[in-house]
C-alpha atoms as a PDB file:
ATOM      1  CA  UNK A   1       0.202  -0.066   0.275  1.00  0.00           C
ATOM      2  CA  UNK A   2       0.997   3.415  -0.378  1.00  0.00           C
ATOM      3  CA  UNK A   3       0.771   6.184   1.562  1.00  0.00           C
ATOM      4  CA  UNK A   4      -0.619   9.697   0.597  1.00  0.00           C
ATOM      5  CA  UNK A   5       0.170  13.100   1.715  1.00  0.00           C
ATOM      6  CA  UNK A   6      -2.446  14.233   3.682  1.00  0.00           C
ATOM      7  CA  UNK A   7      -6.281  13.019   2.992  1.00  0.00           C
ATOM      8  CA  UNK A   8      -7.016  15.366   0.138  1.00  0.00           C
ATOM      9  CA  UNK A   9      -4.319  12.954  -1.310  1.00  0.00           C
ATOM     10  CA  UNK A  10      -5.630  10.095  -0.512  1.00  0.00           C
ATOM     11  CA  UNK A  11      -9.225  10.695  -0.910  1.00  0.00           C
ATOM     12  CA  UNK A  12      -8.435  11.605  -4.970  1.00  0.00           C
ATOM     13  CA  UNK A  13      -7.199   7.897  -4.929  1.00  0.00           C
ATOM     14  CA  UNK A  14      -7.901   6.180  -1.673  1.00  0.00           C
ATOM     15  CA  UNK A  15      -7.610   2.436  -3.979  1.00  0.00           C
ATOM     16  CA  UNK A  16      -4.766   0.690  -2.180  1.00  0.00           C
ATOM     17  CA  UNK A  17      -3.492   3.648  -0.191  1.00  0.00           C
ATOM     18  CA  UNK A  18      -3.456   4.718   3.444  1.00  0.00           C
ATOM     19  CA  UNK A  19      -2.861   8.558   5.026  1.00  0.00           C
ATOM     20  CA  UNK A  20      -2.140   8.730   8.654  1.00  0.00           C
ATOM     21  CA  UNK A  21      -3.205  11.980  11.756  1.00  0.00           C
ATOM     22  CA  UNK A  22      -1.599  11.329  14.602  1.00  0.00           C
ATOM     23  CA  UNK A  23      -3.045   8.983  16.202  1.00  0.00           C
ATOM     24  CA  UNK A  24      -4.121   6.708  13.186  1.00  0.00           C
ATOM     25  CA  UNK A  25      -4.119   5.130  10.352  1.00  0.00           C
ATOM     26  CA  UNK A  26      -7.318   5.331   7.131  1.00  0.00           C
ATOM     27  CA  UNK A  27      -6.877   2.430   4.531  1.00  0.00           C
ATOM     28  CA  UNK A  28      -8.801   1.510   1.705  1.00  0.00           C
ATOM     29  CA  UNK A  29      -7.201  -2.027   0.615  1.00  0.00           C
ATOM     30  CA  UNK A  30      -9.599  -2.278  -1.627  1.00  0.00           C
ATOM     31  CA  UNK A  31     -12.542  -0.791  -3.651  1.00  0.00           C
ATOM     32  CA  UNK A  32     -15.379  -3.039  -1.027  1.00  0.00           C
ATOM     33  CA  UNK A  33     -12.705  -3.572   1.930  1.00  0.00           C
ATOM     34  CA  UNK A  34     -11.752   0.320   4.047  1.00  0.00           C
ATOM     35  CA  UNK A  35     -10.573   0.856   7.716  1.00  0.00           C
ATOM     36  CA  UNK A  36      -9.065   2.178  10.351  1.00  0.00           C
ATOM     37  CA  UNK A  37      -5.608   1.058  12.596  1.00  0.00           C
ATOM     38  CA  UNK A  38      -5.810   3.142  15.766  1.00  0.00           C
ATOM     39  CA  UNK A  39      -3.142   3.542  18.175  1.00  0.00           C
ATOM     40  CA  UNK A  40      -1.801   4.942  21.968  1.00  0.00           C
ATOM     41  CA  UNK A  41      -3.415   7.989  24.054  1.00  0.00           C
ATOM     42  CA  UNK A  42      -6.962   8.822  21.509  1.00  0.00           C
ATOM     43  CA  UNK A  43      -7.537  11.592  23.198  1.00  0.00           C
ATOM     44  CA  UNK A  44     -10.683  14.890  22.166  1.00  0.00           C
ATOM     45  CA  UNK A  45      -8.261  15.662  19.416  1.00  0.00           C
ATOM     46  CA  UNK A  46      -7.763  12.637  18.324  1.00  0.00           C
ATOM     47  CA  UNK A  47     -11.771  12.003  17.709  1.00  0.00           C
ATOM     48  CA  UNK A  48     -12.280  15.018  16.267  1.00  0.00           C
ATOM     49  CA  UNK A  49      -9.892  13.389  13.388  1.00  0.00           C
ATOM     50  CA  UNK A  50     -11.142  10.720  13.348  1.00  0.00           C
ATOM     51  CA  UNK A  51     -14.953  12.289  13.400  1.00  0.00           C
ATOM     52  CA  UNK A  52     -14.092  14.790  10.281  1.00  0.00           C
ATOM     53  CA  UNK A  53     -12.418  11.624   8.144  1.00  0.00           C
ATOM     54  CA  UNK A  54     -16.109  10.639   8.686  1.00  0.00           C
ATOM     55  CA  UNK A  55     -17.186  13.257   7.561  1.00  0.00           C
ATOM     56  CA  UNK A  56     -15.290  14.305   4.615  1.00  0.00           C
ATOM     57  CA  UNK A  57     -16.454  14.944   1.098  1.00  0.00           C
ATOM     58  CA  UNK A  58     -15.184  12.089  -0.148  1.00  0.00           C
ATOM     59  CA  UNK A  59     -17.368   9.761   1.541  1.00  0.00           C
ATOM     60  CA  UNK A  60     -20.354  10.324  -0.983  1.00  0.00           C
ATOM     61  CA  UNK A  61     -17.894   8.177  -4.464  1.00  0.00           C
ATOM     62  CA  UNK A  62     -17.210   5.506  -2.245  1.00  0.00           C
ATOM     63  CA  UNK A  63     -18.660   2.072  -2.672  1.00  0.00           C
ATOM     64  CA  UNK A  64     -20.744   0.377  -0.698  1.00  0.00           C
ATOM     65  CA  UNK A  65     -18.370  -1.576   1.798  1.00  0.00           C
ATOM     66  CA  UNK A  66     -16.371  -3.653   4.927  1.00  0.00           C
ATOM     67  CA  UNK A  67     -15.486  -1.931   7.645  1.00  0.00           C
ATOM     68  CA  UNK A  68     -12.367  -3.409  10.061  1.00  0.00           C
ATOM     69  CA  UNK A  69     -11.704  -1.383  12.706  1.00  0.00           C
ATOM     70  CA  UNK A  70      -8.744  -2.026  14.713  1.00  0.00           C
ATOM     71  CA  UNK A  71      -7.787  -0.231  18.630  1.00  0.00           C
ATOM     72  CA  UNK A  72      -5.458  -3.246  19.498  1.00  0.00           C
ATOM     73  CA  UNK A  73      -2.658  -0.350  20.065  1.00  0.00           C
ATOM     74  CA  UNK A  74      -5.294   1.771  22.242  1.00  0.00           C
ATOM     75  CA  UNK A  75      -4.274   2.515  25.536  1.00  0.00           C
ATOM     76  CA  UNK A  76      -6.437   5.466  26.736  1.00  0.00           C
ATOM     77  CA  UNK A  77      -8.978   7.003  25.039  1.00  0.00           C
ATOM     78  CA  UNK A  78     -10.072  10.058  26.194  1.00  0.00           C
ATOM     79  CA  UNK A  79     -13.508  10.163  28.434  1.00  0.00           C
ATOM     80  CA  UNK A  80     -15.530  11.823  25.100  1.00  0.00           C
ATOM     81  CA  UNK A  81     -14.795  10.185  23.038  1.00  0.00           C
ATOM     82  CA  UNK A  82     -18.173   8.356  23.104  1.00  0.00           C
ATOM     83  CA  UNK A  83     -19.977  11.630  22.694  1.00  0.00           C
ATOM     84  CA  UNK A  84     -17.858  13.091  20.020  1.00  0.00           C
ATOM     85  CA  UNK A  85     -18.347   9.303  17.912  1.00  0.00           C
ATOM     86  CA  UNK A  86     -22.024   9.044  19.042  1.00  0.00           C
ATOM     87  CA  UNK A  87     -22.032  12.781  17.101  1.00  0.00           C
ATOM     88  CA  UNK A  88     -20.559  11.643  14.138  1.00  0.00           C
ATOM     89  CA  UNK A  89     -22.698   9.006  13.264  1.00  0.00           C
ATOM     90  CA  UNK A  90     -25.561  11.175  13.654  1.00  0.00           C
ATOM     91  CA  UNK A  91     -24.540  13.547  11.442  1.00  0.00           C
ATOM     92  CA  UNK A  92     -23.231  11.529   8.208  1.00  0.00           C
ATOM     93  CA  UNK A  93     -26.043   7.961   9.350  1.00  0.00           C
ATOM     94  CA  UNK A  94     -27.629   8.265   5.853  1.00  0.00           C
ATOM     95  CA  UNK A  95     -24.134   8.257   4.796  1.00  0.00           C
ATOM     96  CA  UNK A  96     -22.871   5.784   6.555  1.00  0.00           C
ATOM     97  CA  UNK A  97     -26.027   3.648   5.410  1.00  0.00           C
ATOM     98  CA  UNK A  98     -25.565   3.905   1.880  1.00  0.00           C
ATOM     99  CA  UNK A  99     -21.727   2.775   2.323  1.00  0.00           C
ATOM    100  CA  UNK A 100     -20.857   1.113   5.400  1.00  0.00           C
ATOM    101  CA  UNK A 101     -22.023  -3.283   4.566  1.00  0.00           C
ATOM    102  CA  UNK A 102     -20.787  -4.496   7.734  1.00  0.00           C
ATOM    103  CA  UNK A 103     -18.140  -3.500  10.417  1.00  0.00           C
ATOM    104  CA  UNK A 104     -15.947  -5.620  12.305  1.00  0.00           C
ATOM    105  CA  UNK A 105     -14.025  -4.468  15.413  1.00  0.00           C
ATOM    106  CA  UNK A 106     -10.795  -5.574  17.267  1.00  0.00           C
ATOM    107  CA  UNK A 107     -10.960  -4.718  20.668  1.00  0.00           C
ATOM    108  CA  UNK A 108      -7.861  -4.177  22.601  1.00  0.00           C
ATOM    109  CA  UNK A 109      -6.898  -5.871  26.048  1.00  0.00           C
ATOM    110  CA  UNK A 110      -7.462  -4.726  29.625  1.00  0.00           C
ATOM    111  CA  UNK A 111      -9.866  -2.352  30.820  1.00  0.00           C
ATOM    112  CA  UNK A 112      -9.974  -0.797  27.799  1.00  0.00           C
ATOM    113  CA  UNK A 113     -10.947  -2.946  25.803  1.00  0.00           C
ATOM    114  CA  UNK A 114     -14.415  -3.345  27.964  1.00  0.00           C
ATOM    115  CA  UNK A 115     -15.081   0.194  27.517  1.00  0.00           C
ATOM    116  CA  UNK A 116     -13.921  -0.054  23.615  1.00  0.00           C
ATOM    117  CA  UNK A 117     -16.119  -3.419  23.437  1.00  0.00           C
ATOM    118  CA  UNK A 118     -18.560  -1.321  24.504  1.00  0.00           C
ATOM    119  CA  UNK A 119     -18.225   1.049  21.657  1.00  0.00           C
ATOM    120  CA  UNK A 120     -21.248  -1.325  19.936  1.00  0.00           C
ATOM    121  CA  UNK A 121     -23.627  -0.135  22.738  1.00  0.00           C
ATOM    122  CA  UNK A 122     -23.525   3.112  23.414  1.00  0.00           C
ATOM    123  CA  UNK A 123     -23.060   4.095  19.496  1.00  0.00           C
ATOM    124  CA  UNK A 124     -25.957   4.244  17.180  1.00  0.00           C
ATOM    125  CA  UNK A 125     -24.523   3.128  13.909  1.00  0.00           C
ATOM    126  CA  UNK A 126     -26.559   2.054  11.834  1.00  0.00           C
ATOM    127  CA  UNK A 127     -24.996  -1.031  10.350  1.00  0.00           C
ATOM    128  CA  UNK A 128     -24.046  -4.392  11.351  1.00  0.00           C
ATOM    129  CA  UNK A 129     -21.316  -3.743  14.166  1.00  0.00           C
ATOM    130  CA  UNK A 130     -19.253  -7.098  15.665  1.00  0.00           C
ATOM    131  CA  UNK A 131     -15.897  -5.991  18.072  1.00  0.00           C
ATOM    132  CA  UNK A 132     -13.043  -9.689  18.161  1.00  0.00           C
ATOM    133  CA  UNK A 133     -10.525 -10.132  19.479  1.00  0.00           C
ATOM    134  CA  UNK A 134      -7.890 -10.373  16.892  1.00  0.00           C
ATOM    135  CA  UNK A 135      -7.456  -8.789  13.618  1.00  0.00           C
ATOM    136  CA  UNK A 136      -7.861 -12.133  12.317  1.00  0.00           C
ATOM    137  CA  UNK A 137     -10.985 -12.893  13.435  1.00  0.00           C
ATOM    138  CA  UNK A 138     -11.948  -9.851  11.766  1.00  0.00           C
ATOM    139  CA  UNK A 139     -10.608 -10.531   8.224  1.00  0.00           C
ATOM    140  CA  UNK A 140     -12.546 -13.837   8.322  1.00  0.00           C
ATOM    141  CA  UNK A 141     -15.733 -12.003   9.988  1.00  0.00           C
ATOM    142  CA  UNK A 142     -15.705  -9.949   6.859  1.00  0.00           C
ATOM    143  CA  UNK A 143     -14.306 -12.368   4.383  1.00  0.00           C
ATOM    144  CA  UNK A 144     -11.563 -11.382   3.590  1.00  0.00           C
ATOM    145  CA  UNK A 145      -9.473 -14.850   2.433  1.00  0.00           C
ATOM    146  CA  UNK A 146      -6.450 -12.400   1.383  1.00  0.00           C
ATOM    147  CA  UNK A 147      -3.514 -13.441   3.078  1.00  0.00           C
ATOM    148  CA  UNK A 148      -1.872 -10.527   2.692  1.00  0.00           C
ATOM    149  CA  UNK A 149      -4.343  -7.783   4.191  1.00  0.00           C
ATOM    150  CA  UNK A 150      -3.043  -7.360   7.271  1.00  0.00           C
ATOM    151  CA  UNK A 151       0.830  -8.116   6.783  1.00  0.00           C
ATOM    152  CA  UNK A 152       0.973  -5.181   4.257  1.00  0.00           C
ATOM    153  CA  UNK A 153      -1.274  -2.845   6.915  1.00  0.00           C
ATOM    154  CA  UNK A 154       0.934  -4.092   9.988  1.00  0.00           C
ATOM    155  CA  UNK A 155       3.703  -3.128   7.579  1.00  0.00           C
ATOM    156  CA  UNK A 156       2.915   0.647   7.016  1.00  0.00           C
ATOM    157  CA  UNK A 157       1.648   0.774  10.558  1.00  0.00           C
ATOM    158  CA  UNK A 158       5.181  -0.664  11.371  1.00  0.00           C
ATOM    159  CA  UNK A 159       6.877   1.655   9.057  1.00  0.00           C
ATOM    160  CA  UNK A 160       5.845   4.267  11.794  1.00  0.00           C
ATOM    161  CA  UNK A 161       6.556   3.385  14.727  1.00  0.00           C
ATOM    162  CA  UNK A 162       9.644   4.473  15.429  1.00  0.00           C
ATOM    163  CA  UNK A 163       7.845   7.761  14.793  1.00  0.00           C
ATOM    164  CA  UNK A 164       5.192   6.997  17.213  1.00  0.00           C
ATOM    165  CA  UNK A 165       7.974   6.780  19.745  1.00  0.00           C
ATOM    166  CA  UNK A 166       8.896   9.675  19.163  1.00  0.00           C
ATOM    167  CA  UNK A 167       5.885  11.363  19.752  1.00  0.00           C
ATOM    168  CA  UNK A 168       5.388   9.800  22.899  1.00  0.00           C
ATOM    169  CA  UNK A 169       8.566  10.296  24.402  1.00  0.00           C
ATOM    170  CA  UNK A 170       7.281  14.028  23.549  1.00  0.00           C
ATOM    171  CA  UNK A 171       4.494  14.412  25.276  1.00  0.00           C
ATOM    172  CA  UNK A 172       6.511  13.641  28.278  1.00  0.00           C
ATOM    173  CA  UNK A 173       8.931  16.353  27.298  1.00  0.00           C
ATOM    174  CA  UNK A 174       7.102  18.840  26.839  1.00  0.00           C
ATOM    175  CA  UNK A 175       4.236  17.864  29.431  1.00  0.00           C
ATOM    176  CA  UNK A 176       7.186  18.339  31.777  1.00  0.00           C
ATOM    177  CA  UNK A 177       8.454  21.665  30.837  1.00  0.00           C
ATOM    178  CA  UNK A 178       5.487  23.448  29.416  1.00  0.00           C
ATOM    179  CA  UNK A 179       5.795  27.023  28.287  1.00  0.00           C
ATOM    180  CA  UNK A 180       9.851  27.397  28.667  1.00  0.00           C
ATOM    181  CA  UNK A 181      10.778  24.865  25.403  1.00  0.00           C
ATOM    182  CA  UNK A 182      10.999  26.125  22.423  1.00  0.00           C
ATOM    183  CA  UNK A 183      11.519  23.715  18.689  1.00  0.00           C
ATOM    184  CA  UNK A 184      15.078  23.390  19.226  1.00  0.00           C
ATOM    185  CA  UNK A 185      15.625  22.572  22.749  1.00  0.00           C
ATOM    186  CA  UNK A 186      12.717  20.142  22.632  1.00  0.00           C
ATOM    187  CA  UNK A 187      15.012  18.691  19.697  1.00  0.00           C
ATOM    188  CA  UNK A 188      18.172  18.085  21.361  1.00  0.00           C
ATOM    189  CA  UNK A 189      16.269  16.589  24.999  1.00  0.00           C
ATOM    190  CA  UNK A 190      14.964  14.063  22.295  1.00  0.00           C
ATOM    191  CA  UNK A 191      18.406  13.284  20.821  1.00  0.00           C
ATOM    192  CA  UNK A 192      17.336  15.080  17.434  1.00  0.00           C
ATOM    193  CA  UNK A 193      17.750  17.853  14.454  1.00  0.00           C
ATOM    194  CA  UNK A 194      14.890  20.207  14.673  1.00  0.00           C
ATOM    195  CA  UNK A 195      14.734  18.672  11.206  1.00  0.00           C
ATOM    196  CA  UNK A 196      14.960  15.159  12.194  1.00  0.00           C
ATOM    197  CA  UNK A 197      11.980  15.460  14.908  1.00  0.00           C
ATOM    198  CA  UNK A 198       9.851  17.538  12.413  1.00  0.00           C
ATOM    199  CA  UNK A 199      10.231  14.928   9.706  1.00  0.00           C
ATOM    200  CA  UNK A 200       9.216  12.118  12.154  1.00  0.00           C
ATOM    201  CA  UNK A 201       6.538  14.122  13.019  1.00  0.00           C
ATOM    202  CA  UNK A 202       4.991  15.022   9.591  1.00  0.00           C
ATOM    203  CA  UNK A 203       5.089  11.412   8.673  1.00  0.00           C
ATOM    204  CA  UNK A 204       2.733  10.731  11.516  1.00  0.00           C
ATOM    205  CA  UNK A 205       0.180  13.157  10.380  1.00  0.00           C
ATOM    206  CA  UNK A 206       1.329  15.914  13.273  1.00  0.00           C
ATOM    207  CA  UNK A 207       3.835  19.228  13.399  1.00  0.00           C
ATOM    208  CA  UNK A 208       5.757  20.554  16.076  1.00  0.00           C
ATOM    209  CA  UNK A 209       3.230  23.081  16.553  1.00  0.00           C
ATOM    210  CA  UNK A 210       0.602  20.952  16.731  1.00  0.00           C
ATOM    211  CA  UNK A 211       1.404  18.603  19.498  1.00  0.00           C
ATOM    212  CA  UNK A 212       2.151  21.887  21.791  1.00  0.00           C
ATOM    213  CA  UNK A 213      -0.415  22.908  21.487  1.00  0.00           C
ATOM    214  CA  UNK A 214      -2.207  19.857  22.190  1.00  0.00           C
ATOM    215  CA  UNK A 215       0.060  19.891  25.628  1.00  0.00           C
ATOM    216  CA  UNK A 216      -1.038  23.615  27.022  1.00  0.00           C
ATOM    217  CA  UNK A 217      -4.843  21.879  26.202  1.00  0.00           C
ATOM    218  CA  UNK A 218      -4.253  18.994  28.193  1.00  0.00           C
ATOM    219  CA  UNK A 219      -2.118  20.543  30.581  1.00  0.00           C
ATOM    220  CA  UNK A 220      -4.720  23.802  31.053  1.00  0.00           C
ATOM    221  CA  UNK A 221      -7.511  20.557  31.517  1.00  0.00           C
ATOM    222  CA  UNK A 222      -5.613  19.088  34.473  1.00  0.00           C
ATOM    223  CA  UNK A 223      -5.130  22.541  35.776  1.00  0.00           C
ATOM    224  CA  UNK A 224      -9.265  23.407  35.592  1.00  0.00           C
ATOM    225  CA  UNK A 225     -10.297  19.779  36.463  1.00  0.00           C
ATOM    226  CA  UNK A 226      -7.207  19.451  39.396  1.00  0.00           C
ATOM    227  CA  UNK A 227      -6.813  23.354  40.898  1.00  0.00           C
ATOM    228  CA  UNK A 228      -8.704  26.522  41.853  1.00  0.00           C
ATOM    229  CA  UNK A 229      -6.392  28.609  39.158  1.00  0.00           C
ATOM    230  CA  UNK A 230      -8.368  31.278  37.683  1.00  0.00           C
ATOM    231  CA  UNK A 231      -8.215  31.322  33.194  1.00  0.00           C
ATOM    232  CA  UNK A 232      -5.695  34.405  33.160  1.00  0.00           C
ATOM    233  CA  UNK A 233      -3.754  32.182  35.477  1.00  0.00           C
ATOM    234  CA  UNK A 234      -3.959  29.097  33.890  1.00  0.00           C
ATOM    235  CA  UNK A 235      -3.798  30.696  30.343  1.00  0.00           C
ATOM    236  CA  UNK A 236      -0.179  32.228  31.708  1.00  0.00           C
ATOM    237  CA  UNK A 237       1.034  29.192  33.244  1.00  0.00           C
ATOM    238  CA  UNK A 238       0.087  27.403  30.037  1.00  0.00           C
ATOM    239  CA  UNK A 239       2.435  29.450  27.866  1.00  0.00           C
ATOM    240  CA  UNK A 240      -0.894  31.135  26.583  1.00  0.00           C
ATOM    241  CA  UNK A 241      -0.345  35.637  25.806  1.00  0.00           C
ATOM    242  CA  UNK A 242      -3.794  36.080  27.407  1.00  0.00           C
ATOM    243  CA  UNK A 243      -6.806  35.216  28.425  1.00  0.00           C
ATOM    244  CA  UNK A 244      -8.264  35.842  24.624  1.00  0.00           C
ATOM    245  CA  UNK A 245      -5.755  33.497  23.222  1.00  0.00           C
ATOM    246  CA  UNK A 246      -6.080  30.783  25.258  1.00  0.00           C
ATOM    247  CA  UNK A 247      -9.485  30.300  24.688  1.00  0.00           C
ATOM    248  CA  UNK A 248      -9.587  30.758  21.588  1.00  0.00           C
ATOM    249  CA  UNK A 249      -6.980  28.181  21.682  1.00  0.00           C
ATOM    250  CA  UNK A 250      -8.846  25.886  23.339  1.00  0.00           C
ATOM    251  CA  UNK A 251     -12.051  25.825  21.579  1.00  0.00           C
ATOM    252  CA  UNK A 252     -10.597  24.683  18.305  1.00  0.00           C
ATOM    253  CA  UNK A 253      -8.810  22.019  20.375  1.00  0.00           C
ATOM    254  CA  UNK A 254     -11.369  21.678  22.909  1.00  0.00           C
ATOM    255  CA  UNK A 255     -14.767  21.869  20.796  1.00  0.00           C
ATOM    256  CA  UNK A 256     -16.018  24.222  23.881  1.00  0.00           C
ATOM    257  CA  UNK A 257     -14.848  26.910  25.312  1.00  0.00           C
ATOM    258  CA  UNK A 258     -12.271  26.704  28.714  1.00  0.00           C
ATOM    259  CA  UNK A 259     -15.653  27.260  31.024  1.00  0.00           C
ATOM    260  CA  UNK A 260     -17.879  26.033  29.521  1.00  0.00           C
ATOM    261  CA  UNK A 261     -15.499  22.037  29.682  1.00  0.00           C
ATOM    262  CA  UNK A 262     -14.744  23.616  33.110  1.00  0.00           C
ATOM    263  CA  UNK A 263     -18.744  23.103  34.281  1.00  0.00           C
ATOM    264  CA  UNK A 264     -18.759  20.149  33.147  1.00  0.00           C
ATOM    265  CA  UNK A 265     -15.726  17.793  33.755  1.00  0.00           C
ATOM    266  CA  UNK A 266     -15.889  19.648  37.858  1.00  0.00           C
ATOM    267  CA  UNK A 267     -19.806  17.798  38.024  1.00  0.00           C
END
């Protein structure tokens, strides 16, 4: 399978290609077999990016197909995830009902797997959905008898593994030192040149600025949930030059204002 430069490049010629966001890979193995491979800590912005792929105009030209969703490498899911997915399913219900004939989800192990398994009960899918424990079983239930499909998908994912580890290390550095560090200092802590770090992030469909913004929102959410600090103080703590700047950033990344998020999550 060939990598697409971005989502628009993918939709121009999807069959036999895939594109990558920060925490997932969307692919089209054949005209009637589509899917996602998803990994890591899945936050609000990841789920919103996933929802945007569902609403992309390219879906209008897609033939009816089977859908393979691989959650095996997901380590955590944001609590708001089901709401975001429910909204996306509701908004595109008719389109998905016409396009997807069958979906099989591969769950991870442990408590995250139990949470993922609940998706079939909490999200109103307009098509049949099954949750299974192995990728091989998923493809069997989808009627995929081509033994090459899974190795090809795994090879595409594995090619991103090194970059994915860099993102995890980047999160640790940003969470510990935000807002003091800029790109050159962060790259040095990771043992990379700024250009190498940017290239690895680009391979995963993200960037240093995007990851820095995510860290700002992530840390702000923790402060809003666990302290009584004012929003103005939190804005300064995460490196925003003003409350207005912080509010604009937070709403763009989280889909609601800091005040709305704090009220909901402190309850």
